Amino acid sequence: MQNRTENRTLLDPTGEHKVSAKTKAPRPKTLEGVTVGLLDIGKARGDVFLNRLDERLTERGITVKRYAKPTPSRLVETGTRQKMLMEVQSAVIGLAD
């Protein structure tokens, strides 16, 4: 895998009117010993992607925890967000249609 240092502009889909600079969280160098959280936001077929990712990570001995939002239009509940912060070191949010 190549290390890319190119600049990218990521837009926040939550309705911001100004582009604000945000620092990306650092990626772990390895997933060994890391618990990965998979968040299903409730979009159609997002579970298909996350189920397959769960299988692939588990095959490699990586611990996976699953979380879900009730619907795509609602924010992640505070309890779920806090649980993820306590339980996982890396997360994948499943977006699909």
PDB file of N, CA and C in Angstrom:
ATOM      1  N   MET A   1       0.846  -1.174   0.000  1.00  0.00           N
ATOM      2  CA  MET A   1       0.000   0.000   0.000  1.00  0.00           C
ATOM      3  C   MET A   1       0.893   1.240   0.000  1.00  0.00           C
ATOM      4  N   GLN A   2       0.579   2.190  -0.853  1.00  0.00           N
ATOM      5  CA  GLN A   2       1.351   3.427  -0.923  1.00  0.00           C
ATOM      6  C   GLN A   2       0.905   4.398   0.149  1.00  0.00           C
ATOM      7  N   ASN A   3       1.853   5.185   0.627  1.00  0.00           N
ATOM      8  CA  ASN A   3       1.533   6.243   1.577  1.00  0.00           C
ATOM      9  C   ASN A   3       1.267   7.505   0.776  1.00  0.00           C
ATOM     10  N   ARG A   4       0.056   7.998   0.805  1.00  0.00           N
ATOM     11  CA  ARG A   4      -0.310   9.181   0.025  1.00  0.00           C
ATOM     12  C   ARG A   4      -0.386  10.385   0.940  1.00  0.00           C
ATOM     13  N   THR A   5       0.238  11.464   0.515  1.00  0.00           N
ATOM     14  CA  THR A   5       0.227  12.683   1.322  1.00  0.00           C
ATOM     15  C   THR A   5      -0.432  13.826   0.572  1.00  0.00           C
ATOM     16  N   GLU A   6      -1.193  13.512  -0.450  1.00  0.00           N
ATOM     17  CA  GLU A   6      -1.841  14.555  -1.233  1.00  0.00           C
ATOM     18  C   GLU A   6      -2.924  15.255  -0.420  1.00  0.00           C
ATOM     19  N   ASN A   7      -3.181  16.512  -0.735  1.00  0.00           N
ATOM     20  CA  ASN A   7      -4.220  17.283  -0.053  1.00  0.00           C
ATOM     21  C   ASN A   7      -5.568  16.994  -0.686  1.00  0.00           C
ATOM     22  N   ARG A   8      -6.564  16.869   0.168  1.00  0.00           N
ATOM     23  CA  ARG A   8      -7.917  16.634  -0.310  1.00  0.00           C
ATOM     24  C   ARG A   8      -8.870  17.528   0.475  1.00  0.00           C
ATOM     25  N   THR A   9      -9.938  17.951  -0.167  1.00  0.00           N
ATOM     26  CA  THR A   9     -10.983  18.700   0.517  1.00  0.00           C
ATOM     27  C   THR A   9     -12.157  17.771   0.722  1.00  0.00           C
ATOM     28  N   LEU A  10     -12.511  17.562   1.986  1.00  0.00           N
ATOM     29  CA  LEU A  10     -13.651  16.727   2.319  1.00  0.00           C
ATOM     30  C   LEU A  10     -14.782  17.640   2.745  1.00  0.00           C
ATOM     31  N   LEU A  11     -15.949  17.452   2.164  1.00  0.00           N
ATOM     32  CA  LEU A  11     -17.098  18.281   2.499  1.00  0.00           C
ATOM     33  C   LEU A  11     -17.979  17.563   3.502  1.00  0.00           C
ATOM     34  N   ASP A  12     -18.430  18.299   4.491  1.00  0.00           N
ATOM     35  CA  ASP A  12     -19.294  17.761   5.532  1.00  0.00           C
ATOM     36  C   ASP A  12     -20.739  17.818   5.042  1.00  0.00           C
ATOM     37  N   PRO A  13     -21.424  16.677   4.942  1.00  0.00           N
ATOM     38  CA  PRO A  13     -22.787  16.664   4.391  1.00  0.00           C
ATOM     39  C   PRO A  13     -23.862  17.110   5.382  1.00  0.00           C
ATOM     40  N   THR A  14     -23.489  17.675   6.521  1.00  0.00           N
ATOM     41  CA  THR A  14     -24.476  18.022   7.534  1.00  0.00           C
ATOM     42  C   THR A  14     -25.047  19.419   7.373  1.00  0.00           C
ATOM     43  N   GLY A  15     -24.793  20.085   6.268  1.00  0.00           N
ATOM     44  CA  GLY A  15     -25.418  21.370   6.008  1.00  0.00           C
ATOM     45  C   GLY A  15     -24.550  22.573   6.317  1.00  0.00           C
ATOM     46  N   GLU A  16     -23.247  22.366   6.474  1.00  0.00           N
ATOM     47  CA  GLU A  16     -22.370  23.508   6.702  1.00  0.00           C
ATOM     48  C   GLU A  16     -22.336  24.377   5.452  1.00  0.00           C
ATOM     49  N   HIS A  17     -22.276  25.681   5.649  1.00  0.00           N
ATOM     50  CA  HIS A  17     -22.227  26.603   4.521  1.00  0.00           C
ATOM     51  C   HIS A  17     -20.806  27.055   4.216  1.00  0.00           C
ATOM     52  N   LYS A  18     -19.890  26.881   5.157  1.00  0.00           N
ATOM     53  CA  LYS A  18     -18.486  27.214   4.955  1.00  0.00           C
ATOM     54  C   LYS A  18     -17.663  25.947   5.064  1.00  0.00           C
ATOM     55  N   VAL A  19     -16.638  25.855   4.247  1.00  0.00           N
ATOM     56  CA  VAL A  19     -15.713  24.729   4.346  1.00  0.00           C
ATOM     57  C   VAL A  19     -14.774  25.030   5.502  1.00  0.00           C
ATOM     58  N   SER A  20     -14.720  24.132   6.481  1.00  0.00           N
ATOM     59  CA  SER A  20     -13.827  24.342   7.613  1.00  0.00           C
ATOM     60  C   SER A  20     -12.717  23.297   7.589  1.00  0.00           C
ATOM     61  N   ALA A  21     -11.540  23.725   7.983  1.00  0.00           N
ATOM     62  CA  ALA A  21     -10.392  22.814   7.996  1.00  0.00           C
ATOM     63  C   ALA A  21     -10.519  21.866   9.181  1.00  0.00           C
ATOM     64  N   LYS A  22     -10.414  20.605   8.910  1.00  0.00           N
ATOM     65  CA  LYS A  22     -10.466  19.582   9.951  1.00  0.00           C
ATOM     66  C   LYS A  22      -9.317  18.623   9.717  1.00  0.00           C
ATOM     67  N   THR A  23      -8.736  18.179  10.781  1.00  0.00           N
ATOM     68  CA  THR A  23      -7.638  17.228  10.689  1.00  0.00           C
ATOM     69  C   THR A  23      -8.205  15.816  10.737  1.00  0.00           C
ATOM     70  N   LYS A  24      -7.783  14.986   9.789  1.00  0.00           N
ATOM     71  CA  LYS A  24      -8.227  13.597   9.801  1.00  0.00           C
ATOM     72  C   LYS A  24      -7.569  12.868  10.956  1.00  0.00           C
ATOM     73  N   ALA A  25      -8.298  11.951  11.537  1.00  0.00           N
ATOM     74  CA  ALA A  25      -7.724  11.108  12.586  1.00  0.00           C
ATOM     75  C   ALA A  25      -6.642  10.230  11.962  1.00  0.00           C
ATOM     76  N   PRO A  26      -5.561   9.984  12.676  1.00  0.00           N
ATOM     77  CA  PRO A  26      -4.508   9.129  12.111  1.00  0.00           C
ATOM     78  C   PRO A  26      -4.993   7.695  11.957  1.00  0.00           C
ATOM     79  N   ARG A  27      -4.569   7.064  10.879  1.00  0.00           N
ATOM     80  CA  ARG A  27      -4.916   5.657  10.660  1.00  0.00           C
ATOM     81  C   ARG A  27      -3.943   4.790  11.437  1.00  0.00           C
ATOM     82  N   PRO A  28      -4.434   3.690  11.990  1.00  0.00           N
ATOM     83  CA  PRO A  28      -3.494   2.792  12.685  1.00  0.00           C
ATOM     84  C   PRO A  28      -2.547   2.158  11.674  1.00  0.00           C
ATOM     85  N   LYS A  29      -1.312   1.939  12.073  1.00  0.00           N
ATOM     86  CA  LYS A  29      -0.334   1.301  11.184  1.00  0.00           C
ATOM     87  C   LYS A  29      -0.683  -0.163  10.933  1.00  0.00           C
ATOM     88  N   THR A  30      -1.354  -0.773  11.893  1.00  0.00           N
ATOM     89  CA  THR A  30      -1.794  -2.157  11.781  1.00  0.00           C
ATOM     90  C   THR A  30      -3.123  -2.307  12.537  1.00  0.00           C
ATOM     91  N   LEU A  31      -3.873  -3.319  12.212  1.00  0.00           N
ATOM     92  CA  LEU A  31      -5.106  -3.606  12.943  1.00  0.00           C
ATOM     93  C   LEU A  31      -4.892  -4.685  14.002  1.00  0.00           C
ATOM     94  N   GLU A  32      -3.655  -5.147  14.127  1.00  0.00           N
ATOM     95  CA  GLU A  32      -3.339  -6.145  15.140  1.00  0.00           C
ATOM     96  C   GLU A  32      -3.575  -5.543  16.523  1.00  0.00           C
ATOM     97  N   GLY A  33      -4.413  -6.198  17.318  1.00  0.00           N
ATOM     98  CA  GLY A  33      -4.715  -5.732  18.659  1.00  0.00           C
ATOM     99  C   GLY A  33      -5.728  -4.595  18.710  1.00  0.00           C
ATOM    100  N   VAL A  34      -6.264  -4.202  17.566  1.00  0.00           N
ATOM    101  CA  VAL A  34      -7.229  -3.105  17.488  1.00  0.00           C
ATOM    102  C   VAL A  34      -8.640  -3.677  17.387  1.00  0.00           C
ATOM    103  N   THR A  35      -9.578  -3.092  18.113  1.00  0.00           N
ATOM    104  CA  THR A  35     -10.983  -3.442  17.959  1.00  0.00           C
ATOM    105  C   THR A  35     -11.587  -2.454  16.974  1.00  0.00           C
ATOM    106  N   VAL A  36     -12.221  -2.985  15.930  1.00  0.00           N
ATOM    107  CA  VAL A  36     -12.809  -2.158  14.879  1.00  0.00           C
ATOM    108  C   VAL A  36     -14.323  -2.107  15.074  1.00  0.00           C
ATOM    109  N   GLY A  37     -14.867  -0.907  15.093  1.00  0.00           N
ATOM    110  CA  GLY A  37     -16.308  -0.726  15.188  1.00  0.00           C
ATOM    111  C   GLY A  37     -16.908  -0.529  13.808  1.00  0.00           C
ATOM    112  N   LEU A  38     -18.005  -1.202  13.539  1.00  0.00           N
ATOM    113  CA  LEU A  38     -18.720  -1.049  12.280  1.00  0.00           C
ATOM    114  C   LEU A  38     -20.069  -0.417  12.578  1.00  0.00           C
ATOM    115  N   LEU A  39     -20.297   0.775  12.036  1.00  0.00           N
ATOM    116  CA  LEU A  39     -21.534   1.512  12.286  1.00  0.00           C
ATOM    117  C   LEU A  39     -22.430   1.457  11.059  1.00  0.00           C
ATOM    118  N   ASP A  40     -23.583   0.843  11.214  1.00  0.00           N
ATOM    119  CA  ASP A  40     -24.589   0.785  10.155  1.00  0.00           C
ATOM    120  C   ASP A  40     -25.495   2.001  10.326  1.00  0.00           C
ATOM    121  N   ILE A  41     -25.507   2.896   9.338  1.00  0.00           N
ATOM    122  CA  ILE A  41     -26.305   4.107   9.471  1.00  0.00           C
ATOM    123  C   ILE A  41     -27.743   3.920   8.989  1.00  0.00           C
ATOM    124  N   GLY A  42     -28.086   2.707   8.567  1.00  0.00           N
ATOM    125  CA  GLY A  42     -29.465   2.410   8.198  1.00  0.00           C
ATOM    126  C   GLY A  42     -29.795   2.631   6.734  1.00  0.00           C
ATOM    127  N   LYS A  43     -28.774   2.881   5.890  1.00  0.00           N
ATOM    128  CA  LYS A  43     -29.028   3.036   4.453  1.00  0.00           C
ATOM    129  C   LYS A  43     -29.201   1.649   3.831  1.00  0.00           C
ATOM    130  N   ALA A  44     -29.962   1.606   2.765  1.00  0.00           N
ATOM    131  CA  ALA A  44     -30.212   0.345   2.066  1.00  0.00           C
ATOM    132  C   ALA A  44     -28.901  -0.306   1.637  1.00  0.00           C
ATOM    133  N   ARG A  45     -28.754  -1.565   1.941  1.00  0.00           N
ATOM    134  CA  ARG A  45     -27.625  -2.414   1.583  1.00  0.00           C
ATOM    135  C   ARG A  45     -26.325  -2.081   2.318  1.00  0.00           C
ATOM    136  N   GLY A  46     -26.361  -1.128   3.230  1.00  0.00           N
ATOM    137  CA  GLY A  46     -25.183  -0.857   4.046  1.00  0.00           C
ATOM    138  C   GLY A  46     -24.808  -2.069   4.870  1.00  0.00           C
ATOM    139  N   ASP A  47     -25.820  -2.816   5.313  1.00  0.00           N
ATOM    140  CA  ASP A  47     -25.566  -4.018   6.101  1.00  0.00           C
ATOM    141  C   ASP A  47     -24.841  -5.086   5.288  1.00  0.00           C
ATOM    142  N   VAL A  48     -25.094  -5.144   3.985  1.00  0.00           N
ATOM    143  CA  VAL A  48     -24.420  -6.123   3.121  1.00  0.00           C
ATOM    144  C   VAL A  48     -22.919  -5.850   3.119  1.00  0.00           C
ATOM    145  N   PHE A  49     -22.557  -4.586   2.925  1.00  0.00           N
ATOM    146  CA  PHE A  49     -21.148  -4.187   2.945  1.00  0.00           C
ATOM    147  C   PHE A  49     -20.526  -4.483   4.315  1.00  0.00           C
ATOM    148  N   LEU A  50     -21.201  -4.076   5.385  1.00  0.00           N
ATOM    149  CA  LEU A  50     -20.641  -4.258   6.724  1.00  0.00           C
ATOM    150  C   LEU A  50     -20.558  -5.726   7.119  1.00  0.00           C
ATOM    151  N   ASN A  51     -21.530  -6.537   6.703  1.00  0.00           N
ATOM    152  CA  ASN A  51     -21.472  -7.975   6.990  1.00  0.00           C
ATOM    153  C   ASN A  51     -20.234  -8.597   6.350  1.00  0.00           C
ATOM    154  N   ARG A  52     -19.970  -8.232   5.107  1.00  0.00           N
ATOM    155  CA  ARG A  52     -18.804  -8.786   4.406  1.00  0.00           C
ATOM    156  C   ARG A  52     -17.507  -8.288   5.036  1.00  0.00           C
ATOM    157  N   LEU A  53     -17.467  -7.023   5.395  1.00  0.00           N
ATOM    158  CA  LEU A  53     -16.282  -6.477   6.047  1.00  0.00           C
ATOM    159  C   LEU A  53     -16.053  -7.157   7.393  1.00  0.00           C
ATOM    160  N   ASP A  54     -17.122  -7.385   8.131  1.00  0.00           N
ATOM    161  CA  ASP A  54     -17.043  -8.105   9.408  1.00  0.00           C
ATOM    162  C   ASP A  54     -16.423  -9.481   9.192  1.00  0.00           C
ATOM    163  N   GLU A  55     -16.897 -10.206   8.182  1.00  0.00           N
ATOM    164  CA  GLU A  55     -16.357 -11.538   7.870  1.00  0.00           C
ATOM    165  C   GLU A  55     -14.866 -11.468   7.581  1.00  0.00           C
ATOM    166  N   ARG A  56     -14.479 -10.537   6.720  1.00  0.00           N
ATOM    167  CA  ARG A  56     -13.070 -10.431   6.309  1.00  0.00           C
ATOM    168  C   ARG A  56     -12.163 -10.065   7.481  1.00  0.00           C
ATOM    169  N   LEU A  57     -12.595  -9.143   8.316  1.00  0.00           N
ATOM    170  CA  LEU A  57     -11.785  -8.750   9.475  1.00  0.00           C
ATOM    171  C   LEU A  57     -11.694  -9.889  10.485  1.00  0.00           C
ATOM    172  N   THR A  58     -12.822 -10.549  10.736  1.00  0.00           N
ATOM    173  CA  THR A  58     -12.846 -11.655  11.687  1.00  0.00           C
ATOM    174  C   THR A  58     -11.955 -12.804  11.211  1.00  0.00           C
ATOM    175  N   GLU A  59     -11.944 -13.086   9.908  1.00  0.00           N
ATOM    176  CA  GLU A  59     -11.066 -14.121   9.340  1.00  0.00           C
ATOM    177  C   GLU A  59      -9.608 -13.841   9.662  1.00  0.00           C
ATOM    178  N   ARG A  60      -9.259 -12.577   9.792  1.00  0.00           N
ATOM    179  CA  ARG A  60      -7.879 -12.176  10.070  1.00  0.00           C
ATOM    180  C   ARG A  60      -7.595 -12.037  11.565  1.00  0.00           C
ATOM    181  N   GLY A  61      -8.576 -12.442  12.392  1.00  0.00           N
ATOM    182  CA  GLY A  61      -8.384 -12.418  13.828  1.00  0.00           C
ATOM    183  C   GLY A  61      -8.581 -11.057  14.466  1.00  0.00           C
ATOM    184  N   ILE A  62      -9.209 -10.132  13.738  1.00  0.00           N
ATOM    185  CA  ILE A  62      -9.447  -8.786  14.246  1.00  0.00           C
ATOM    186  C   ILE A  62     -10.791  -8.764  14.969  1.00  0.00           C
ATOM    187  N   THR A  63     -10.817  -8.161  16.148  1.00  0.00           N
ATOM    188  CA  THR A  63     -12.051  -8.047  16.924  1.00  0.00           C
ATOM    189  C   THR A  63     -12.932  -6.973  16.313  1.00  0.00           C
ATOM    190  N   VAL A  64     -14.209  -7.315  16.111  1.00  0.00           N
ATOM    191  CA  VAL A  64     -15.178  -6.399  15.502  1.00  0.00           C
ATOM    192  C   VAL A  64     -16.365  -6.219  16.444  1.00  0.00           C
ATOM    193  N   LYS A  65     -16.807  -4.978  16.585  1.00  0.00           N
ATOM    194  CA  LYS A  65     -18.034  -4.674  17.331  1.00  0.00           C
ATOM    195  C   LYS A  65     -18.972  -3.948  16.384  1.00  0.00           C
ATOM    196  N   ARG A  66     -20.266  -4.280  16.475  1.00  0.00           N
ATOM    197  CA  ARG A  66     -21.267  -3.702  15.569  1.00  0.00           C
ATOM    198  C   ARG A  66     -22.147  -2.700  16.300  1.00  0.00           C
ATOM    199  N   TYR A  67     -22.486  -1.634  15.577  1.00  0.00           N
ATOM    200  CA  TYR A  67     -23.355  -0.587  16.094  1.00  0.00           C
ATOM    201  C   TYR A  67     -24.313  -0.181  14.983  1.00  0.00           C
ATOM    202  N   ALA A  68     -25.435   0.442  15.352  1.00  0.00           N
ATOM    203  CA  ALA A  68     -26.403   0.848  14.332  1.00  0.00           C
ATOM    204  C   ALA A  68     -27.161   2.089  14.764  1.00  0.00           C
ATOM    205  N   LYS A  69     -27.498   2.904  13.766  1.00  0.00           N
ATOM    206  CA  LYS A  69     -28.413   4.027  13.967  1.00  0.00           C
ATOM    207  C   LYS A  69     -29.818   3.516  13.648  1.00  0.00           C
ATOM    208  N   PRO A  70     -30.843   4.109  14.268  1.00  0.00           N
ATOM    209  CA  PRO A  70     -32.202   3.648  13.965  1.00  0.00           C
ATOM    210  C   PRO A  70     -32.634   3.975  12.537  1.00  0.00           C
ATOM    211  N   THR A  71     -32.241   5.130  12.020  1.00  0.00           N
ATOM    212  CA  THR A  71     -32.565   5.529  10.643  1.00  0.00           C
ATOM    213  C   THR A  71     -31.430   6.403  10.111  1.00  0.00           C
ATOM    214  N   PRO A  72     -31.283   6.492   8.783  1.00  0.00           N
ATOM    215  CA  PRO A  72     -30.213   7.314   8.226  1.00  0.00           C
ATOM    216  C   PRO A  72     -30.376   8.804   8.519  1.00  0.00           C
ATOM    217  N   SER A  73     -31.596   9.254   8.758  1.00  0.00           N
ATOM    218  CA  SER A  73     -31.836  10.687   8.939  1.00  0.00           C
ATOM    219  C   SER A  73     -31.561  11.178  10.358  1.00  0.00           C
ATOM    220  N   ARG A  74     -31.357  10.268  11.289  1.00  0.00           N
ATOM    221  CA  ARG A  74     -31.097  10.663  12.675  1.00  0.00           C
ATOM    222  C   ARG A  74     -29.615  10.583  12.985  1.00  0.00           C
ATOM    223  N   LEU A  75     -29.155  11.437  13.893  1.00  0.00           N
ATOM    224  CA  LEU A  75     -27.768  11.393  14.339  1.00  0.00           C
ATOM    225  C   LEU A  75     -27.541  10.139  15.173  1.00  0.00           C
ATOM    226  N   VAL A  76     -26.290   9.749  15.278  1.00  0.00           N
ATOM    227  CA  VAL A  76     -25.956   8.629  16.150  1.00  0.00           C
ATOM    228  C   VAL A  76     -26.298   9.043  17.577  1.00  0.00           C
ATOM    229  N   GLU A  77     -26.988   8.185  18.288  1.00  0.00           N
ATOM    230  CA  GLU A  77     -27.371   8.505  19.658  1.00  0.00           C
ATOM    231  C   GLU A  77     -26.134   8.677  20.527  1.00  0.00           C
ATOM    232  N   THR A  78     -26.218   9.567  21.473  1.00  0.00           N
ATOM    233  CA  THR A  78     -25.085   9.871  22.353  1.00  0.00           C
ATOM    234  C   THR A  78     -24.549   8.619  23.031  1.00  0.00           C
ATOM    235  N   GLY A  79     -25.434   7.761  23.495  1.00  0.00           N
ATOM    236  CA  GLY A  79     -25.010   6.524  24.152  1.00  0.00           C
ATOM    237  C   GLY A  79     -24.205   5.629  23.228  1.00  0.00           C
ATOM    238  N   THR A  80     -24.644   5.520  21.984  1.00  0.00           N
ATOM    239  CA  THR A  80     -23.928   4.701  21.002  1.00  0.00           C
ATOM    240  C   THR A  80     -22.562   5.308  20.708  1.00  0.00           C
ATOM    241  N   ARG A  81     -22.522   6.605  20.528  1.00  0.00           N
ATOM    242  CA  ARG A  81     -21.259   7.301  20.252  1.00  0.00           C
ATOM    243  C   ARG A  81     -20.282   7.109  21.416  1.00  0.00           C
ATOM    244  N   GLN A  82     -20.757   7.262  22.642  1.00  0.00           N
ATOM    245  CA  GLN A  82     -19.895   7.090  23.806  1.00  0.00           C
ATOM    246  C   GLN A  82     -19.421   5.643  23.939  1.00  0.00           C
ATOM    247  N   LYS A  83     -20.314   4.709  23.653  1.00  0.00           N
ATOM    248  CA  LYS A  83     -19.950   3.293  23.698  1.00  0.00           C
ATOM    249  C   LYS A  83     -18.831   2.998  22.695  1.00  0.00           C
ATOM    250  N   MET A  84     -18.960   3.553  21.490  1.00  0.00           N
ATOM    251  CA  MET A  84     -17.932   3.342  20.467  1.00  0.00           C
ATOM    252  C   MET A  84     -16.599   3.938  20.915  1.00  0.00           C
ATOM    253  N   LEU A  85     -16.636   5.123  21.498  1.00  0.00           N
ATOM    254  CA  LEU A  85     -15.401   5.753  21.967  1.00  0.00           C
ATOM    255  C   LEU A  85     -14.702   4.906  23.020  1.00  0.00           C
ATOM    256  N   MET A  86     -15.466   4.217  23.832  1.00  0.00           N
ATOM    257  CA  MET A  86     -14.898   3.386  24.892  1.00  0.00           C
ATOM    258  C   MET A  86     -14.444   2.010  24.394  1.00  0.00           C
ATOM    259  N   GLU A  87     -15.116   1.479  23.380  1.00  0.00           N
ATOM    260  CA  GLU A  87     -14.911   0.077  22.996  1.00  0.00           C
ATOM    261  C   GLU A  87     -14.015  -0.153  21.785  1.00  0.00           C
ATOM    262  N   VAL A  88     -13.850   0.839  20.916  1.00  0.00           N
ATOM    263  CA  VAL A  88     -13.096   0.598  19.682  1.00  0.00           C
ATOM    264  C   VAL A  88     -12.002   1.642  19.481  1.00  0.00           C
ATOM    265  N   GLN A  89     -10.991   1.248  18.718  1.00  0.00           N
ATOM    266  CA  GLN A  89      -9.903   2.155  18.393  1.00  0.00           C
ATOM    267  C   GLN A  89      -9.972   2.649  16.946  1.00  0.00           C
ATOM    268  N   SER A  90     -10.790   1.999  16.145  1.00  0.00           N
ATOM    269  CA  SER A  90     -10.949   2.370  14.744  1.00  0.00           C
ATOM    270  C   SER A  90     -12.390   2.064  14.335  1.00  0.00           C
ATOM    271  N   ALA A  91     -12.932   2.844  13.393  1.00  0.00           N
ATOM    272  CA  ALA A  91     -14.322   2.632  13.013  1.00  0.00           C
ATOM    273  C   ALA A  91     -14.526   2.782  11.507  1.00  0.00           C
ATOM    274  N   VAL A  92     -15.521   2.055  11.018  1.00  0.00           N
ATOM    275  CA  VAL A  92     -15.953   2.148   9.625  1.00  0.00           C
ATOM    276  C   VAL A  92     -17.442   2.462   9.653  1.00  0.00           C
ATOM    277  N   ILE A  93     -17.835   3.482   8.900  1.00  0.00           N
ATOM    278  CA  ILE A  93     -19.244   3.842   8.810  1.00  0.00           C
ATOM    279  C   ILE A  93     -19.747   3.346   7.462  1.00  0.00           C
ATOM    280  N   GLY A  94     -20.790   2.521   7.469  1.00  0.00           N
ATOM    281  CA  GLY A  94     -21.292   1.910   6.244  1.00  0.00           C
ATOM    282  C   GLY A  94     -22.273   2.806   5.516  1.00  0.00           C
ATOM    283  N   LEU A  95     -21.840   3.355   4.393  1.00  0.00           N
ATOM    284  CA  LEU A  95     -22.702   4.158   3.534  1.00  0.00           C
ATOM    285  C   LEU A  95     -22.980   3.347   2.277  1.00  0.00           C
ATOM    286  N   ALA A  96     -24.231   3.227   1.921  1.00  0.00           N
ATOM    287  CA  ALA A  96     -24.564   2.464   0.717  1.00  0.00           C
ATOM    288  C   ALA A  96     -25.964   2.836   0.254  1.00  0.00           C
ATOM    289  N   ASP A  97     -26.267   2.510  -0.960  1.00  0.00           N
ATOM    290  CA  ASP A  97     -27.605   2.657  -1.548  1.00  0.00           C
ATOM    291  C   ASP A  97     -27.732   1.660  -2.663  1.00  0.00           C
TER     292      ASP A  97
END
